[in-house]
Amino acid sequence: QVQLVESGGGPVQAGGSLRLSCAVSGYIYSTYSRYYMAWFRQAAGNDREGVAAISRGGSTTYYADSVKGRFTISRDNDKRTVYLQMNALKPEDTAMYYCAAGTDLASVFWNQRNALATQKYSAWGQGTQVTVSS
């Protein structure tokens, strides 16, 4: 069973930065590069939404419009870790942030709509809280 463990969340003032990390372990240890990865977030009372996604090889990324130009997703396949660098944080970025991994989406269907859809991901972490104060 694949396991995803997020870290790096916490309180931060508006305009500040945080770097989230997601360590991947479990039976996919040797096949991590087959997984496309993403970060999602869920604010209190809201649905979970896709924030950023990265393809298996790391060459293609997608972002929600609300974070474009501020957030950057990256992956280190040797370390089996995915990162989300968050800059210029805003109070509306406050949420629980989740790391997710998926395998079912064929490359030909890798586009923004699919890459940021929760139903395309089969493994989820427990989340890390990000709180941005004004």
N, C-alpha and C. Protein backbone atom coordinates (compact mmCIF):
# COMPACT_ATOMS: atom_id res chain seq x y z
N GLN A 1 0.84 -1.18 0.00
CA GLN A 1 0.00 0.00 0.00
C GLN A 1 0.89 1.24 0.00
N VAL A 2 0.64 2.13 -0.94
CA VAL A 2 1.43 3.35 -1.01
C VAL A 2 1.06 4.26 0.14
N GLN A 3 2.05 4.95 0.67
CA GLN A 3 1.84 5.91 1.76
C GLN A 3 2.42 7.25 1.37
N LEU A 4 1.65 8.28 1.65
CA LEU A 4 2.07 9.65 1.38
C LEU A 4 2.06 10.41 2.69
N VAL A 5 3.15 11.08 2.99
CA VAL A 5 3.26 11.83 4.23
C VAL A 5 3.67 13.26 3.91
N GLU A 6 2.77 14.20 4.22
CA GLU A 6 3.04 15.61 3.98
C GLU A 6 3.71 16.25 5.19
N SER A 7 4.46 17.31 4.92
CA SER A 7 5.08 18.10 5.98
C SER A 7 5.31 19.50 5.45
N GLY A 8 5.60 20.41 6.37
CA GLY A 8 5.96 21.76 5.97
C GLY A 8 4.89 22.81 6.17
N GLY A 9 3.70 22.40 6.56
CA GLY A 9 2.65 23.37 6.80
C GLY A 9 2.87 24.12 8.10
N GLY A 10 2.01 25.11 8.34
CA GLY A 10 2.11 25.89 9.56
C GLY A 10 1.53 27.26 9.39
N PRO A 11 1.66 28.10 10.39
CA PRO A 11 1.16 29.47 10.29
C PRO A 11 2.18 30.36 9.59
N VAL A 12 1.67 31.31 8.82
CA VAL A 12 2.52 32.24 8.10
C VAL A 12 1.74 33.52 7.87
N GLN A 13 2.43 34.63 7.79
CA GLN A 13 1.76 35.89 7.51
C GLN A 13 1.58 36.08 6.01
N ALA A 14 0.58 36.85 5.67
CA ALA A 14 0.32 37.15 4.26
C ALA A 14 1.58 37.72 3.62
N GLY A 15 1.86 37.24 2.40
CA GLY A 15 3.06 37.65 1.70
C GLY A 15 4.25 36.74 1.94
N GLY A 16 4.12 35.87 2.91
CA GLY A 16 5.21 34.96 3.23
C GLY A 16 5.24 33.73 2.34
N SER A 17 6.15 32.82 2.67
CA SER A 17 6.35 31.62 1.86
C SER A 17 6.39 30.38 2.74
N LEU A 18 6.01 29.27 2.14
CA LEU A 18 6.14 27.96 2.77
C LEU A 18 6.50 26.96 1.69
N ARG A 19 7.18 25.90 2.09
CA ARG A 19 7.49 24.80 1.17
C ARG A 19 6.95 23.52 1.76
N LEU A 20 5.99 22.94 1.07
CA LEU A 20 5.43 21.67 1.50
C LEU A 20 6.20 20.52 0.84
N SER A 21 6.32 19.44 1.58
CA SER A 21 6.96 18.24 1.06
C SER A 21 6.02 17.05 1.21
N CYS A 22 6.14 16.11 0.30
CA CYS A 22 5.34 14.89 0.35
C CYS A 22 6.27 13.72 0.08
N ALA A 23 6.50 12.92 1.11
CA ALA A 23 7.36 11.75 0.98
C ALA A 23 6.51 10.53 0.63
N VAL A 24 6.93 9.81 -0.38
CA VAL A 24 6.18 8.65 -0.87
C VAL A 24 6.90 7.37 -0.48
N SER A 25 6.18 6.42 0.09
CA SER A 25 6.77 5.14 0.47
C SER A 25 5.75 4.03 0.23
N GLY A 26 6.18 2.80 0.48
CA GLY A 26 5.28 1.69 0.29
C GLY A 26 5.70 0.82 -0.87
N TYR A 27 4.80 0.02 -1.37
CA TYR A 27 5.17 -0.98 -2.36
C TYR A 27 5.56 -0.37 -3.69
N ILE A 28 5.25 0.90 -3.91
CA ILE A 28 5.62 1.52 -5.17
C ILE A 28 7.02 2.09 -5.13
N TYR A 29 7.77 1.70 -4.10
CA TYR A 29 9.10 2.28 -3.92
C TYR A 29 9.91 2.25 -5.21
N SER A 30 9.81 1.13 -5.92
CA SER A 30 10.62 0.98 -7.12
C SER A 30 9.92 1.51 -8.37
N THR A 31 8.68 1.95 -8.23
CA THR A 31 7.92 2.39 -9.40
C THR A 31 7.36 3.78 -9.22
N TYR A 32 7.97 4.55 -8.37
CA TYR A 32 7.48 5.88 -8.06
C TYR A 32 7.32 6.73 -9.30
N SER A 33 8.23 6.56 -10.25
CA SER A 33 8.19 7.41 -11.44
C SER A 33 6.99 7.13 -12.32
N ARG A 34 6.25 6.06 -12.06
CA ARG A 34 5.05 5.77 -12.83
C ARG A 34 3.84 6.59 -12.35
N TYR A 35 4.00 7.24 -11.22
CA TYR A 35 2.90 8.00 -10.65
C TYR A 35 2.97 9.46 -11.04
N TYR A 36 1.83 10.00 -11.43
CA TYR A 36 1.72 11.44 -11.51
C TYR A 36 1.26 11.90 -10.13
N MET A 37 1.61 13.10 -9.78
CA MET A 37 1.42 13.59 -8.41
C MET A 37 0.74 14.95 -8.43
N ALA A 38 0.11 15.27 -7.32
CA ALA A 38 -0.57 16.55 -7.23
C ALA A 38 -0.73 16.99 -5.79
N TRP A 39 -1.00 18.26 -5.65
CA TRP A 39 -1.39 18.84 -4.37
C TRP A 39 -2.83 19.35 -4.50
N PHE A 40 -3.59 19.03 -3.48
CA PHE A 40 -4.96 19.53 -3.38
C PHE A 40 -5.09 20.29 -2.07
N ARG A 41 -6.14 21.06 -1.93
CA ARG A 41 -6.39 21.73 -0.66
C ARG A 41 -7.89 21.77 -0.39
N GLN A 42 -8.19 21.85 0.89
CA GLN A 42 -9.59 21.92 1.29
C GLN A 42 -9.72 22.88 2.46
N ALA A 43 -10.41 23.98 2.20
CA ALA A 43 -10.69 24.95 3.25
C ALA A 43 -11.98 24.55 3.96
N ALA A 44 -12.14 25.03 5.17
CA ALA A 44 -13.32 24.70 5.97
C ALA A 44 -14.59 25.05 5.21
N GLY A 45 -15.47 24.07 5.08
CA GLY A 45 -16.74 24.30 4.41
C GLY A 45 -16.71 24.24 2.90
N ASN A 46 -15.54 23.99 2.35
CA ASN A 46 -15.40 23.95 0.89
C ASN A 46 -15.05 22.54 0.40
N ASP A 47 -15.26 22.33 -0.89
CA ASP A 47 -14.85 21.07 -1.50
C ASP A 47 -13.33 21.06 -1.67
N ARG A 48 -12.80 19.86 -1.79
CA ARG A 48 -11.37 19.73 -2.07
C ARG A 48 -11.10 20.18 -3.51
N GLU A 49 -10.07 20.97 -3.69
CA GLU A 49 -9.76 21.50 -5.03
C GLU A 49 -8.31 21.23 -5.39
N GLY A 50 -8.10 21.03 -6.67
CA GLY A 50 -6.75 20.82 -7.17
C GLY A 50 -5.97 22.11 -7.18
N VAL A 51 -4.74 22.07 -6.73
CA VAL A 51 -3.88 23.24 -6.67
C VAL A 51 -2.79 23.17 -7.73
N ALA A 52 -2.09 22.04 -7.79
CA ALA A 52 -1.00 21.88 -8.73
C ALA A 52 -0.78 20.40 -8.99
N ALA A 53 -0.36 20.07 -10.20
CA ALA A 53 -0.11 18.69 -10.57
C ALA A 53 1.15 18.60 -11.42
N ILE A 54 1.79 17.45 -11.36
CA ILE A 54 3.03 17.26 -12.12
C ILE A 54 3.02 15.88 -12.75
N SER A 55 3.49 15.80 -13.97
CA SER A 55 3.47 14.55 -14.71
C SER A 55 4.50 13.57 -14.17
N ARG A 56 4.44 12.37 -14.68
CA ARG A 56 5.30 11.30 -14.19
C ARG A 56 6.78 11.68 -14.27
N GLY A 57 7.19 12.22 -15.37
CA GLY A 57 8.60 12.57 -15.54
C GLY A 57 8.95 13.95 -15.02
N GLY A 58 7.91 14.70 -14.68
CA GLY A 58 8.14 16.04 -14.15
C GLY A 58 8.22 17.13 -15.20
N SER A 59 7.99 16.79 -16.46
CA SER A 59 8.15 17.78 -17.52
C SER A 59 6.94 18.69 -17.69
N THR A 60 5.79 18.25 -17.23
CA THR A 60 4.56 19.03 -17.42
C THR A 60 3.89 19.29 -16.08
N THR A 61 3.52 20.54 -15.86
CA THR A 61 2.84 20.92 -14.63
C THR A 61 1.58 21.71 -14.96
N TYR A 62 0.63 21.64 -14.06
CA TYR A 62 -0.61 22.41 -14.19
C TYR A 62 -0.93 23.06 -12.84
N TYR A 63 -1.55 24.21 -12.91
CA TYR A 63 -1.87 24.95 -11.70
C TYR A 63 -3.29 25.49 -11.78
N ALA A 64 -3.91 25.57 -10.62
CA ALA A 64 -5.18 26.28 -10.53
C ALA A 64 -4.92 27.75 -10.81
N ASP A 65 -5.88 28.41 -11.42
CA ASP A 65 -5.72 29.82 -11.77
C ASP A 65 -5.40 30.66 -10.53
N SER A 66 -5.94 30.29 -9.40
CA SER A 66 -5.77 31.08 -8.18
C SER A 66 -4.35 31.08 -7.64
N VAL A 67 -3.51 30.14 -8.09
CA VAL A 67 -2.15 30.05 -7.56
C VAL A 67 -1.08 30.22 -8.62
N LYS A 68 -1.48 30.37 -9.87
CA LYS A 68 -0.50 30.53 -10.95
C LYS A 68 0.40 31.72 -10.67
N GLY A 69 1.70 31.51 -10.87
CA GLY A 69 2.67 32.57 -10.65
C GLY A 69 3.12 32.69 -9.21
N ARG A 70 2.45 32.00 -8.30
CA ARG A 70 2.83 32.05 -6.88
C ARG A 70 3.31 30.69 -6.36
N PHE A 71 2.72 29.62 -6.85
CA PHE A 71 3.07 28.28 -6.39
C PHE A 71 3.86 27.54 -7.47
N THR A 72 4.76 26.66 -7.02
CA THR A 72 5.53 25.84 -7.94
C THR A 72 5.59 24.41 -7.41
N ILE A 73 5.17 23.48 -8.25
CA ILE A 73 5.26 22.06 -7.89
C ILE A 73 6.49 21.46 -8.56
N SER A 74 7.15 20.56 -7.84
CA SER A 74 8.32 19.88 -8.39
C SER A 74 8.40 18.50 -7.76
N ARG A 75 9.21 17.65 -8.37
CA ARG A 75 9.37 16.31 -7.83
C ARG A 75 10.82 15.86 -7.98
N ASP A 76 11.25 15.07 -7.02
CA ASP A 76 12.58 14.47 -7.06
C ASP A 76 12.35 12.96 -7.07
N ASN A 77 12.48 12.36 -8.24
CA ASN A 77 12.18 10.93 -8.34
C ASN A 77 13.19 10.06 -7.60
N ASP A 78 14.39 10.56 -7.43
CA ASP A 78 15.39 9.78 -6.67
C ASP A 78 15.02 9.76 -5.19
N LYS A 79 14.53 10.88 -4.69
CA LYS A 79 14.14 10.96 -3.28
C LYS A 79 12.68 10.58 -3.06
N ARG A 80 11.95 10.34 -4.16
CA ARG A 80 10.54 9.98 -4.05
C ARG A 80 9.78 11.00 -3.22
N THR A 81 9.99 12.24 -3.59
CA THR A 81 9.39 13.35 -2.85
C THR A 81 8.84 14.38 -3.83
N VAL A 82 7.70 14.91 -3.47
CA VAL A 82 7.08 15.98 -4.25
C VAL A 82 7.04 17.23 -3.37
N TYR A 83 7.25 18.37 -4.00
CA TYR A 83 7.31 19.63 -3.26
C TYR A 83 6.26 20.61 -3.81
N LEU A 84 5.84 21.50 -2.94
CA LEU A 84 5.01 22.63 -3.36
C LEU A 84 5.59 23.88 -2.71
N GLN A 85 6.24 24.69 -3.52
CA GLN A 85 6.76 25.96 -3.06
C GLN A 85 5.65 27.00 -3.18
N MET A 86 5.31 27.61 -2.07
CA MET A 86 4.21 28.58 -2.05
C MET A 86 4.75 29.95 -1.66
N ASN A 87 4.65 30.90 -2.56
CA ASN A 87 5.12 32.26 -2.32
C ASN A 87 3.95 33.23 -2.35
N ALA A 88 4.19 34.41 -1.83
CA ALA A 88 3.16 35.46 -1.83
C ALA A 88 1.83 34.93 -1.31
N LEU A 89 1.88 34.26 -0.20
CA LEU A 89 0.68 33.62 0.33
C LEU A 89 -0.37 34.64 0.74
N LYS A 90 -1.61 34.24 0.56
CA LYS A 90 -2.76 35.09 0.88
C LYS A 90 -3.63 34.39 1.91
N PRO A 91 -4.42 35.14 2.66
CA PRO A 91 -5.32 34.50 3.64
C PRO A 91 -6.23 33.45 3.00
N GLU A 92 -6.62 33.68 1.75
CA GLU A 92 -7.49 32.72 1.08
C GLU A 92 -6.79 31.42 0.71
N ASP A 93 -5.48 31.35 0.92
CA ASP A 93 -4.74 30.09 0.72
C ASP A 93 -4.84 29.19 1.96
N THR A 94 -5.42 29.69 3.02
CA THR A 94 -5.58 28.90 4.23
C THR A 94 -6.43 27.67 3.97
N ALA A 95 -5.87 26.50 4.28
CA ALA A 95 -6.56 25.24 4.01
C ALA A 95 -5.70 24.09 4.51
N MET A 96 -6.30 22.91 4.50
CA MET A 96 -5.53 21.68 4.68
C MET A 96 -5.04 21.28 3.30
N TYR A 97 -3.75 21.04 3.17
CA TYR A 97 -3.15 20.68 1.90
C TYR A 97 -2.84 19.19 1.87
N TYR A 98 -3.26 18.53 0.79
CA TYR A 98 -3.11 17.09 0.65
C TYR A 98 -2.25 16.76 -0.57
N CYS A 99 -1.41 15.78 -0.39
CA CYS A 99 -0.63 15.23 -1.49
C CYS A 99 -1.40 14.03 -2.04
N ALA A 100 -1.32 13.82 -3.35
CA ALA A 100 -2.04 12.72 -3.97
C ALA A 100 -1.20 12.10 -5.08
N ALA A 101 -1.42 10.81 -5.30
CA ALA A 101 -0.71 10.07 -6.34
C ALA A 101 -1.70 9.28 -7.18
N GLY A 102 -1.43 9.19 -8.46
CA GLY A 102 -2.32 8.45 -9.34
C GLY A 102 -1.56 7.76 -10.45
N THR A 103 -2.19 6.74 -11.03
CA THR A 103 -1.56 5.99 -12.11
C THR A 103 -2.49 5.76 -13.30
N ASP A 104 -3.79 5.95 -13.13
CA ASP A 104 -4.74 5.51 -14.14
C ASP A 104 -4.82 6.39 -15.38
N LEU A 105 -4.35 7.61 -15.26
CA LEU A 105 -4.51 8.55 -16.36
C LEU A 105 -3.42 8.36 -17.40
N ALA A 106 -3.83 7.98 -18.61
CA ALA A 106 -2.85 7.82 -19.68
C ALA A 106 -2.30 9.18 -20.09
N SER A 107 -1.11 9.15 -20.61
CA SER A 107 -0.42 10.40 -20.96
C SER A 107 -1.22 11.25 -21.95
N VAL A 108 -1.93 10.59 -22.84
CA VAL A 108 -2.68 11.32 -23.85
C VAL A 108 -3.80 12.15 -23.24
N PHE A 109 -4.24 11.75 -22.04
CA PHE A 109 -5.31 12.47 -21.36
C PHE A 109 -4.79 13.42 -20.30
N TRP A 110 -3.49 13.60 -20.23
CA TRP A 110 -2.90 14.49 -19.23
C TRP A 110 -3.11 15.94 -19.66
N ASN A 111 -4.09 16.58 -19.04
CA ASN A 111 -4.36 17.98 -19.30
C ASN A 111 -4.79 18.61 -17.97
N GLN A 112 -5.01 19.90 -17.98
CA GLN A 112 -5.27 20.60 -16.72
C GLN A 112 -6.53 20.08 -16.04
N ARG A 113 -7.57 19.85 -16.81
CA ARG A 113 -8.83 19.42 -16.20
C ARG A 113 -8.66 18.08 -15.49
N ASN A 114 -8.03 17.14 -16.17
CA ASN A 114 -7.87 15.81 -15.56
C ASN A 114 -6.83 15.80 -14.46
N ALA A 115 -5.75 16.55 -14.67
CA ALA A 115 -4.65 16.54 -13.71
C ALA A 115 -5.07 17.11 -12.36
N LEU A 116 -6.05 17.99 -12.33
CA LEU A 116 -6.50 18.61 -11.09
C LEU A 116 -7.84 18.05 -10.59
N ALA A 117 -8.21 16.89 -11.09
CA ALA A 117 -9.47 16.26 -10.69
C ALA A 117 -9.21 15.22 -9.60
N THR A 118 -9.93 15.31 -8.51
CA THR A 118 -9.69 14.40 -7.38
C THR A 118 -9.90 12.93 -7.78
N GLN A 119 -10.84 12.67 -8.69
CA GLN A 119 -11.16 11.28 -9.02
C GLN A 119 -10.07 10.59 -9.82
N LYS A 120 -9.05 11.34 -10.27
CA LYS A 120 -7.95 10.74 -11.02
C LYS A 120 -6.82 10.27 -10.10
N TYR A 121 -7.02 10.38 -8.80
CA TYR A 121 -5.97 10.03 -7.85
C TYR A 121 -6.47 8.95 -6.89
N SER A 122 -5.61 7.97 -6.65
CA SER A 122 -6.02 6.82 -5.85
C SER A 122 -5.37 6.77 -4.47
N ALA A 123 -4.35 7.55 -4.25
CA ALA A 123 -3.66 7.53 -2.96
C ALA A 123 -3.56 8.95 -2.42
N TRP A 124 -3.81 9.08 -1.13
CA TRP A 124 -3.85 10.41 -0.51
C TRP A 124 -3.10 10.39 0.82
N GLY A 125 -2.49 11.53 1.12
CA GLY A 125 -1.89 11.69 2.43
C GLY A 125 -2.90 12.20 3.44
N GLN A 126 -2.45 12.40 4.66
CA GLN A 126 -3.32 12.85 5.75
C GLN A 126 -3.49 14.37 5.77
N GLY A 127 -2.62 15.07 5.08
CA GLY A 127 -2.76 16.52 4.98
C GLY A 127 -1.86 17.27 5.95
N THR A 128 -1.56 18.51 5.59
CA THR A 128 -0.81 19.41 6.45
C THR A 128 -1.50 20.78 6.38
N GLN A 129 -1.70 21.37 7.54
CA GLN A 129 -2.47 22.60 7.62
C GLN A 129 -1.61 23.81 7.30
N VAL A 130 -2.14 24.67 6.46
CA VAL A 130 -1.50 25.95 6.16
C VAL A 130 -2.47 27.05 6.59
N THR A 131 -1.99 27.96 7.43
CA THR A 131 -2.83 29.05 7.91
C THR A 131 -2.13 30.37 7.63
N VAL A 132 -2.75 31.20 6.81
CA VAL A 132 -2.17 32.47 6.42
C VAL A 132 -2.95 33.59 7.10
N SER A 133 -2.26 34.40 7.88
CA SER A 133 -2.91 35.49 8.59
C SER A 133 -2.64 36.81 7.89
N SER A 134 -3.60 37.70 7.98
CA SER A 134 -3.48 38.99 7.30
C SER A 134 -2.78 40.01 8.19
